[in-house]
Protein backbone atom coordinates (compact mmCIF):
# COMPACT_ATOMS: atom_id res chain seq x y z
CA MET A 1 186.02 -150.82 87.41
CA ARG A 2 183.81 -148.29 85.89
CA LEU A 3 185.66 -146.93 82.73
CA ASP A 4 184.54 -144.75 80.55
CA SER A 5 186.06 -145.77 77.15
CA HIS A 6 186.30 -142.98 74.69
CA GLN A 7 187.73 -139.22 75.35
CA HIS A 8 190.27 -137.27 73.97
CA PHE A 9 193.21 -135.10 75.66
CA TRP A 10 194.89 -132.40 73.55
CA SER A 11 197.30 -129.45 73.27
CA TYR A 12 195.42 -126.81 70.96
CA SER A 13 196.84 -124.98 67.85
CA GLU A 14 194.89 -124.01 65.45
CA SER A 15 196.53 -125.28 62.45
CA GLU A 16 196.77 -129.34 64.23
CA TYR A 17 193.11 -129.06 65.59
CA ASP A 18 191.68 -127.54 61.83
CA TRP A 19 188.49 -129.28 62.09
CA ILE A 20 187.24 -127.49 65.53
CA ASP A 21 185.34 -124.62 63.31
CA GLU A 22 184.09 -120.90 64.82
CA ARG A 23 180.74 -122.70 66.12
CA MET A 24 183.18 -125.63 68.13
CA SER A 25 184.82 -122.15 70.32
CA ARG A 26 184.71 -123.45 73.40
CA ILE A 27 187.19 -126.52 72.92
CA ARG A 28 189.51 -124.69 71.11
CA ARG A 29 191.91 -124.87 74.09
CA ASP A 30 194.24 -127.02 75.81
CA PHE A 31 192.44 -130.17 77.52
CA ALA A 32 194.79 -132.52 79.51
CA PRO A 33 194.41 -135.08 82.31
CA GLY A 34 194.06 -132.94 84.99
CA ASP A 35 190.98 -131.03 83.40
CA LEU A 36 189.20 -134.42 83.15
CA ASP A 37 190.78 -136.83 86.40
CA PRO A 38 188.31 -134.87 89.01
CA ILE A 39 185.38 -134.85 86.63
CA LEU A 40 185.88 -138.89 86.33
CA ARG A 41 186.25 -138.85 90.32
CA ARG A 42 183.04 -137.38 90.45
CA ASN A 43 181.28 -139.64 87.81
CA GLY A 44 182.32 -142.18 89.99
CA PHE A 45 184.79 -143.16 87.32
CA ASP A 46 188.02 -145.28 87.68
CA GLY A 47 189.45 -144.58 84.57
CA SER A 48 189.20 -144.07 81.18
CA VAL A 49 190.12 -145.19 77.11
CA ALA A 50 192.62 -142.25 75.78
CA VAL A 51 191.35 -141.93 72.21
CA GLN A 52 193.32 -139.88 68.79
CA VAL A 53 191.71 -137.17 67.32
CA ARG A 54 194.93 -136.41 64.93
CA GLN A 55 196.58 -138.74 62.65
CA SER A 56 199.83 -138.90 63.45
CA LEU A 57 201.98 -140.85 65.36
CA GLU A 58 203.75 -138.13 67.40
CA GLU A 59 199.63 -137.85 69.29
CA THR A 60 200.17 -141.24 69.76
CA GLU A 61 203.61 -140.95 71.74
CA TYR A 62 202.24 -137.65 73.33
CA LEU A 63 198.79 -139.94 74.42
CA LEU A 64 201.49 -142.66 75.68
CA GLY A 65 203.28 -140.30 77.81
CA LEU A 66 200.85 -139.27 79.41
CA ALA A 67 199.06 -142.72 80.65
CA ASP A 68 202.47 -143.55 81.33
CA GLU A 69 202.19 -140.28 83.86
CA HIS A 70 198.33 -140.85 84.97
CA ASP A 71 197.22 -144.07 86.32
CA PHE A 72 193.63 -143.46 85.66
CA ILE A 73 194.11 -143.49 81.74
CA ARG A 74 193.80 -147.15 81.45
CA GLY A 75 194.75 -147.29 77.71
CA VAL A 76 195.91 -145.31 74.60
CA VAL A 77 193.98 -146.31 70.82
CA GLY A 78 196.24 -144.06 68.81
CA TRP A 79 196.90 -143.43 65.19
CA VAL A 80 199.21 -145.15 63.23
CA ASP A 81 199.10 -145.04 59.14
CA LEU A 82 197.75 -147.98 57.97
CA ARG A 83 198.81 -148.19 54.16
CA SER A 84 202.09 -147.62 55.03
CA PRO A 85 205.20 -150.13 53.74
CA GLY A 86 206.33 -149.61 57.57
CA VAL A 87 202.69 -150.34 59.84
CA ARG A 88 204.85 -153.24 61.17
CA ARG A 89 207.16 -151.48 62.49
CA ASP A 90 205.70 -148.84 63.84
CA LEU A 91 203.54 -151.14 65.46
CA GLU A 92 205.84 -153.38 67.11
CA ARG A 93 207.46 -150.43 68.39
CA LEU A 94 204.08 -148.99 70.18
CA SER A 95 203.09 -152.29 71.25
CA GLU A 96 206.37 -152.81 73.52
CA GLN A 97 203.93 -149.77 75.74
CA PRO A 98 201.50 -151.98 77.55
CA ARG A 99 199.31 -148.81 77.79
CA PHE A 100 198.98 -149.56 73.52
CA ARG A 101 195.59 -150.92 73.03
CA GLY A 102 195.01 -150.37 69.57
CA VAL A 103 194.67 -148.30 66.48
CA ARG A 104 191.64 -145.75 64.70
CA HIS A 105 191.59 -143.98 61.62
CA ILE A 106 189.39 -141.33 60.86
CA VAL A 107 187.88 -142.28 58.07
CA GLN A 108 184.88 -140.16 57.96
CA ALA A 109 186.99 -137.55 56.61
CA GLU A 110 188.04 -139.70 54.02
CA PRO A 111 187.19 -138.32 50.28
CA ASP A 112 186.54 -141.57 49.74
CA ASP A 113 183.49 -143.85 51.06
CA ARG A 114 184.64 -147.06 50.34
CA PHE A 115 188.28 -146.40 52.30
CA LEU A 116 187.73 -149.00 54.50
CA LEU A 117 187.73 -151.66 51.58
CA ARG A 118 191.07 -150.02 50.25
CA ASP A 119 193.24 -152.82 49.64
CA ASP A 120 196.55 -151.24 50.71
CA PHE A 121 194.55 -150.42 54.20
CA LEU A 122 192.68 -153.27 54.25
CA ARG A 123 196.20 -155.39 54.29
CA GLY A 124 197.21 -153.21 57.53
CA VAL A 125 193.84 -153.75 59.09
CA GLU A 126 195.03 -157.65 59.02
CA LEU A 127 198.36 -157.13 60.78
CA LEU A 128 196.41 -154.94 63.89
CA ARG A 129 194.64 -158.89 63.72
CA ASP A 130 197.72 -160.86 63.72
CA LEU A 131 198.95 -158.44 66.40
CA ASP A 132 196.60 -158.59 68.60
CA LEU A 133 195.72 -154.71 68.70
CA THR A 134 191.52 -153.37 68.25
CA TYR A 135 190.76 -151.18 65.82
CA ASP A 136 187.91 -148.86 66.47
CA ILE A 137 185.91 -147.79 63.59
CA LEU A 138 184.76 -143.80 63.17
CA VAL A 139 182.69 -143.23 60.23
CA TYR A 140 179.44 -141.62 59.33
CA HIS A 141 176.16 -143.20 59.02
CA HIS A 142 175.69 -143.13 55.54
CA HIS A 143 179.22 -145.33 55.64
CA LEU A 144 177.69 -148.33 56.92
CA PRO A 145 176.78 -150.47 54.72
CA VAL A 146 180.37 -149.95 53.93
CA VAL A 147 181.05 -151.06 57.26
CA VAL A 148 178.88 -154.44 56.77
CA ASP A 149 181.17 -155.78 54.47
CA PHE A 150 184.59 -154.21 56.53
CA VAL A 151 183.39 -156.62 59.67
CA ALA A 152 182.50 -159.43 57.48
CA ARG A 153 186.04 -160.03 56.46
CA PHE A 154 187.38 -159.77 59.47
CA PRO A 155 185.23 -162.36 61.85
CA GLU A 156 188.16 -163.01 64.10
CA HIS A 157 189.07 -159.16 65.18
CA ARG A 158 188.65 -157.28 67.53
CA LEU A 159 186.54 -154.07 65.95
CA VAL A 160 184.51 -151.56 67.89
CA LEU A 161 182.21 -148.97 66.20
CA ASP A 162 182.39 -145.52 67.72
CA HIS A 163 179.80 -143.08 68.50
CA ILE A 164 177.19 -145.70 67.88
CA GLY A 165 177.67 -144.88 64.22
CA LYS A 166 176.84 -141.79 64.38
CA PRO A 167 173.26 -141.73 63.35
CA PRO A 168 171.20 -138.03 62.14
CA ILE A 169 169.69 -137.69 65.80
CA ALA A 170 168.94 -133.90 65.61
CA LYS A 171 166.59 -134.82 62.55
CA GLY A 172 164.73 -137.76 64.16
CA GLU A 173 165.64 -140.18 61.43
CA LEU A 174 165.95 -144.40 62.19
CA GLU A 175 167.10 -145.43 58.97
CA PRO A 176 168.47 -146.52 56.78
CA TRP A 177 171.29 -146.50 60.35
CA ALA A 178 168.94 -148.50 62.03
CA SER A 179 168.75 -151.51 59.07
CA SER A 180 172.66 -151.18 58.70
CA ILE A 181 173.37 -151.20 63.01
CA ARG A 182 170.68 -154.53 63.40
CA LYS A 183 173.06 -155.83 60.31
CA LEU A 184 176.23 -154.95 62.24
CA GLY A 185 174.48 -156.33 65.46
CA LYS A 186 174.78 -159.79 64.26
CA PHE A 187 178.53 -159.93 64.40
CA GLU A 188 180.21 -161.00 67.48
CA ASN A 189 183.61 -159.59 67.22
CA LEU A 190 181.98 -156.57 66.70
CA CYS A 191 181.27 -153.72 69.71
CA CYS A 192 179.66 -150.31 70.21
CA LYS A 193 180.42 -147.28 71.57
CA VAL A 194 177.79 -145.83 73.19
CA SER A 195 178.99 -142.62 72.87
CA GLY A 196 178.86 -139.05 71.03
CA MET A 197 174.98 -138.53 70.78
CA VAL A 198 174.87 -135.60 71.94
CA THR A 199 176.41 -133.47 69.23
CA GLU A 200 174.81 -135.68 66.63
CA ALA A 201 172.03 -134.00 67.91
CA ASP A 202 170.22 -130.58 68.01
CA TRP A 203 173.39 -129.55 70.59
CA ARG A 204 171.13 -126.10 72.54
CA GLY A 205 167.72 -128.40 72.42
CA TRP A 206 168.06 -132.29 72.95
CA LYS A 207 165.63 -133.39 75.25
CA LYS A 208 167.44 -137.06 76.93
CA SER A 209 163.86 -138.45 74.99
CA ASP A 210 165.52 -137.98 71.65
CA PHE A 211 167.90 -140.33 72.16
CA ALA A 212 165.53 -142.87 73.58
CA LEU A 213 164.98 -145.09 69.77
CA TYR A 214 168.37 -145.12 68.66
CA LEU A 215 169.58 -146.36 72.17
CA GLU A 216 166.66 -149.56 72.07
CA ILE A 217 168.09 -150.08 68.31
CA VAL A 218 171.76 -150.74 69.41
CA LEU A 219 170.86 -152.29 72.99
CA GLU A 220 168.69 -154.65 71.55
CA SER A 221 171.36 -155.16 68.18
CA PHE A 222 174.62 -155.73 70.27
CA GLY A 223 173.32 -156.79 73.20
CA PRO A 224 174.09 -154.95 76.92
CA ARG A 225 177.10 -156.96 76.76
CA ARG A 226 179.24 -155.61 74.01
CA LEU A 227 177.88 -152.01 74.17
CA LEU A 228 180.72 -149.80 75.51
CA PHE A 229 179.86 -146.53 77.83
CA GLY A 230 182.32 -143.04 76.31
CA SER A 231 182.07 -140.11 76.73
CA ASP A 232 183.38 -138.48 74.10
CA TRP A 233 184.55 -136.07 76.26
CA PRO A 234 185.74 -133.00 75.69
CA VAL A 235 183.88 -132.64 71.94
CA ALA A 236 180.84 -133.75 73.88
CA THR A 237 180.82 -130.55 75.83
CA LEU A 238 179.61 -129.11 73.15
CA ALA A 239 176.35 -129.85 73.54
CA ALA A 240 176.30 -131.07 77.08
CA SER A 241 177.98 -131.81 80.63
CA TYR A 242 179.81 -134.69 81.60
CA GLU A 243 176.66 -135.73 83.90
CA GLU A 244 174.16 -135.28 81.05
CA VAL A 245 176.20 -136.98 79.17
CA PHE A 246 176.72 -140.27 81.40
CA GLU A 247 172.89 -139.56 82.79
CA ILE A 248 171.03 -139.91 79.66
CA VAL A 249 172.81 -143.60 79.22
CA GLU A 250 172.22 -144.45 82.84
CA ASP A 251 168.88 -143.76 82.99
CA PHE A 252 168.18 -145.25 79.59
CA LEU A 253 170.33 -148.65 81.25
CA GLU A 254 168.04 -148.41 84.69
CA PRO A 255 165.82 -151.62 83.94
CA LEU A 256 168.86 -153.79 83.30
CA SER A 257 170.18 -155.94 86.09
CA SER A 258 173.13 -155.42 87.66
CA SER A 259 175.82 -157.24 85.65
CA GLU A 260 174.74 -155.96 82.22
CA LYS A 261 174.78 -152.20 83.76
CA TYR A 262 178.55 -153.05 85.32
CA ALA A 263 179.42 -154.87 81.70
CA VAL A 264 178.44 -151.73 79.64
CA PHE A 265 180.16 -148.75 82.21
CA GLY A 266 183.23 -150.74 82.26
CA GLY A 267 183.87 -154.59 82.13
CA ASN A 268 183.10 -154.46 78.49
CA ALA A 269 185.88 -152.05 77.70
CA VAL A 270 187.97 -154.19 80.47
CA ASP A 271 187.74 -156.89 77.91
CA PHE A 272 187.39 -155.55 74.74
CA TYR A 273 191.07 -153.82 75.17
CA ARG A 274 192.07 -156.43 77.19
CA LEU A 275 192.68 -153.70 80.11
CA GLU A 276 194.87 -154.29 83.33
CA VAL A 277 193.36 -153.62 86.02
CA PRO A 278 195.03 -153.26 89.82
CA PRO A 279 193.81 -156.01 92.72
CA ALA A 280 191.27 -155.15 94.32
């Protein structure tokens, strides 16, 4: 099964999606399963994992409802307030739905650069671990030293770094991002999503070669068994088509074995999120 490990849906409103600014006008509209399904099919994908973009239980319920209606949505990474006194109740209720696989918090938007290490947040992440739910780490590259400390606290928890840690691709800079990625790669329980790269590059002038060194470093650090391809659709369409996003990674991975490529383009996502796979 070929799976896209990272995409989004939303019913657009200006007040709910205020992060979509003027230069992102092309994604100021609704994006629904009916928009994505033919794109996935055209590119040979069997399904996807829908990931939150709003920090609300309502959006999590909305995504789970879409997963009930559309079989190609194999899993949902939602949002729960991990600092709330009622977090266990919320997680246990959501976990009754089989396609609820994990949680993400938009840490990159928090004013506290050390937010991941707050005691109340760490308690919530511990609960995710205890309930066998994953956690997606969304940060900017300058947060990565904190991520190293965070991951070290959870050696037995399934964690994944989104968007290869958002390196400054548009500037062509590798350090200190690369040093942090190499440290993170040593944690065997941490995976890395090969996603979100085109929007960290020059939206109008990127070339495939712009991504080569970044991809080499994440492949060297995590290996093909801990990398998950994700399109970041529709956000990625600000800079590239779905086909272009896919081709960047597909071309780079061409020297790998067929089993290694299968892992990056689906097998690892199935294992990491423990997704149900229909019988052949």
